[in-house]
Protein backbone atom coordinates (compact mmCIF):
# COMPACT_ATOMS: atom_id res chain seq x y z
CA MET A 1 24.42 6.67 -10.15
CA ARG A 2 21.18 8.59 -10.67
CA ASN A 3 19.65 5.68 -12.60
CA ALA A 4 20.49 3.25 -9.79
CA PHE A 5 18.88 5.61 -7.27
CA ASN A 6 15.68 5.77 -9.35
CA VAL A 7 15.52 1.98 -9.60
CA ILE A 8 16.05 1.56 -5.86
CA MET A 9 13.41 4.17 -5.05
CA ARG A 10 10.91 2.49 -7.38
CA VAL A 11 11.49 -0.84 -5.65
CA VAL A 12 11.18 0.71 -2.19
CA SER A 13 8.06 2.64 -3.18
CA SER A 14 6.50 -0.49 -4.67
CA LEU A 15 7.27 -2.50 -1.54
CA ILE A 16 5.64 0.17 0.63
CA GLY A 17 2.56 0.02 -1.62
CA VAL A 18 2.41 -3.78 -1.42
CA GLY A 19 2.71 -3.55 2.36
CA MET A 20 -0.17 -1.06 2.44
CA VAL A 21 -2.32 -3.43 0.38
CA ALA A 22 -1.48 -6.37 2.65
CA MET A 23 -2.25 -4.36 5.79
CA GLY A 24 -5.50 -3.13 4.27
CA VAL A 25 -6.58 -6.68 3.47
CA VAL A 26 -5.84 -7.77 7.05
CA TRP A 27 -7.88 -4.84 8.40
CA MET A 28 -10.77 -5.73 6.08
CA LEU A 29 -10.69 -9.39 7.12
CA GLN A 30 -10.69 -8.42 10.78
CA GLY A 31 -13.47 -5.90 10.30
CA LEU A 32 -15.58 -8.56 8.60
CA ASP A 33 -14.72 -11.06 11.38
CA LEU A 34 -13.26 -13.53 8.87
CA ALA A 35 -9.69 -13.94 10.12
CA PHE A 36 -7.33 -13.08 12.99
CA ARG A 37 -10.14 -13.11 15.53
CA VAL A 38 -8.14 -11.49 18.31
CA GLY A 39 -8.05 -7.77 18.96
CA PHE A 40 -10.12 -4.64 19.05
CA MET A 41 -10.75 -4.54 15.27
CA VAL A 42 -12.65 -7.82 15.10
CA GLY A 43 -16.23 -7.39 13.96
CA ASP A 44 -16.01 -3.59 13.70
CA LYS A 45 -17.21 -2.53 10.24
CA HIS A 46 -15.26 0.73 10.45
CA TRP A 47 -12.04 -1.24 10.02
CA THR A 48 -13.41 -2.78 6.84
CA VAL A 49 -13.76 0.71 5.36
CA TYR A 50 -10.36 1.83 6.68
CA GLY A 51 -8.75 -1.28 5.22
CA ALA A 52 -10.36 -0.76 1.83
CA ILE A 53 -9.13 2.85 1.75
CA LEU A 54 -5.60 1.80 2.74
CA ALA A 55 -5.58 -0.96 0.11
CA LEU A 56 -6.68 1.51 -2.59
CA PHE A 57 -3.92 3.92 -1.59
CA GLY A 58 -1.43 1.03 -1.71
CA ILE A 59 -2.55 0.06 -5.22
CA ALA A 60 -2.25 3.69 -6.30
CA GLN A 61 1.26 3.85 -4.77
CA VAL A 62 2.41 0.80 -6.73
CA ILE A 63 0.92 2.12 -9.98
CA TRP A 64 2.38 5.60 -9.47
CA SER A 65 5.85 4.33 -8.62
CA ASN A 66 6.01 2.13 -11.71
CA THR A 67 4.53 4.49 -14.29
CA ARG A 68 6.13 7.84 -13.43
CA GLN A 69 8.48 9.32 -15.98
CA GLU A 70 12.05 10.34 -15.28
CA ARG A 71 12.63 14.03 -15.52
CA ALA A 72 15.48 15.52 -17.49
CA PRO A 73 18.23 16.94 -15.30
CA ALA A 74 17.88 20.65 -14.53
CA GLN A 75 20.36 22.88 -16.28
């Protein structure tokens, strides 16, 4: 049961990271005025920086969730 929980949590954590990367890319594209040209983010360079930061955190989330080691059960 514990192994199944770890697998499910890795998948969920990876999906959250992928979502963060996707959202960051959208923010960067809007900040650079390259796509989705509707909204308050369009053409604002601040959103390019915010999107890059979010995408980096998303990449780190995916890497962390797939490289962490399982701990031995506490006795």
